[in-house]
């Protein structure tokens, strides 16, 4: 949470920057304070504090205090540290691991504000789920397809733009397109999302809450990544995406009940050696 606030500072107004810097310097006090108390400490108005909270992608001040409390409960040792050229190989490995752990702890701290129930309800009633991802996010989309189809819901993994646009053009009422994008700024993805919505489909997006993709999503899982994806391939953020999708698959299985249990069992049985004829028999 504190990293998210620090990352947001350049885009805030002067009063917003003043609030952000006070929160970073006094995190425990901010988590325990009232709306009036924060406004007084930052020499600003209560509506300005609420506007600051909403600029962080939160519902309001109460949501802000909950998120701050959760952030303060995270292990201190999970703070991300960038790998430097003078680091040893052992140091680099530790820092990469710390970054991965921090990414998972960060997304765990935000689960209470994520639309899990809404997303699972949409997927439980859909005709098909299309997982969408380009580049590194394509691997996440492929992994999600590999897990979700076992629940008996027709699934696709759309990882190239021509296929995405064609699938979008034939989307039907209630189809779910789950779009995974760290930046949320692929023009073709925005075009596809708008096309799906125009045909009655639902867009679930796991992306930057300030992005163009987030603006057209019906259900948004806010992903605040701090990796420089213009230079490096996403690493720790990818792990958080995979973990969230794993959690959604389990949640969907619970909602589907016995039908999901039976289908999962059938997929396992199909792979048992004594049920598969040797290749020479085909």
Foldseek 3Di string as FASTA:
>chain_A
DLVLLVVCLVVDDPLLNLLNVVCNVPLVCLLPDDLVVSCVVSVHDSVVQQVSCVVSVAPGSVRVSQLSVLVVPDDPQLDADDDDPPDDPVVNVVNLVSLLVNLQSNLVSCVVVAPLVVVLVLQLPAQEEEEEDEDPVLVLLVVLCVLQVLLVRHYYRHYDLVVLQVCLQPAAASYEYEYEDAAQEDPSVLVSLVSNVVRRYAYEYEYDCVHSNVVSHPGYNHDDDDDPVVVDPDDSSSSNSNVVSVVSSVVSLVVVPPSSVVSNVVVVVCPDPVNDDPPVVD
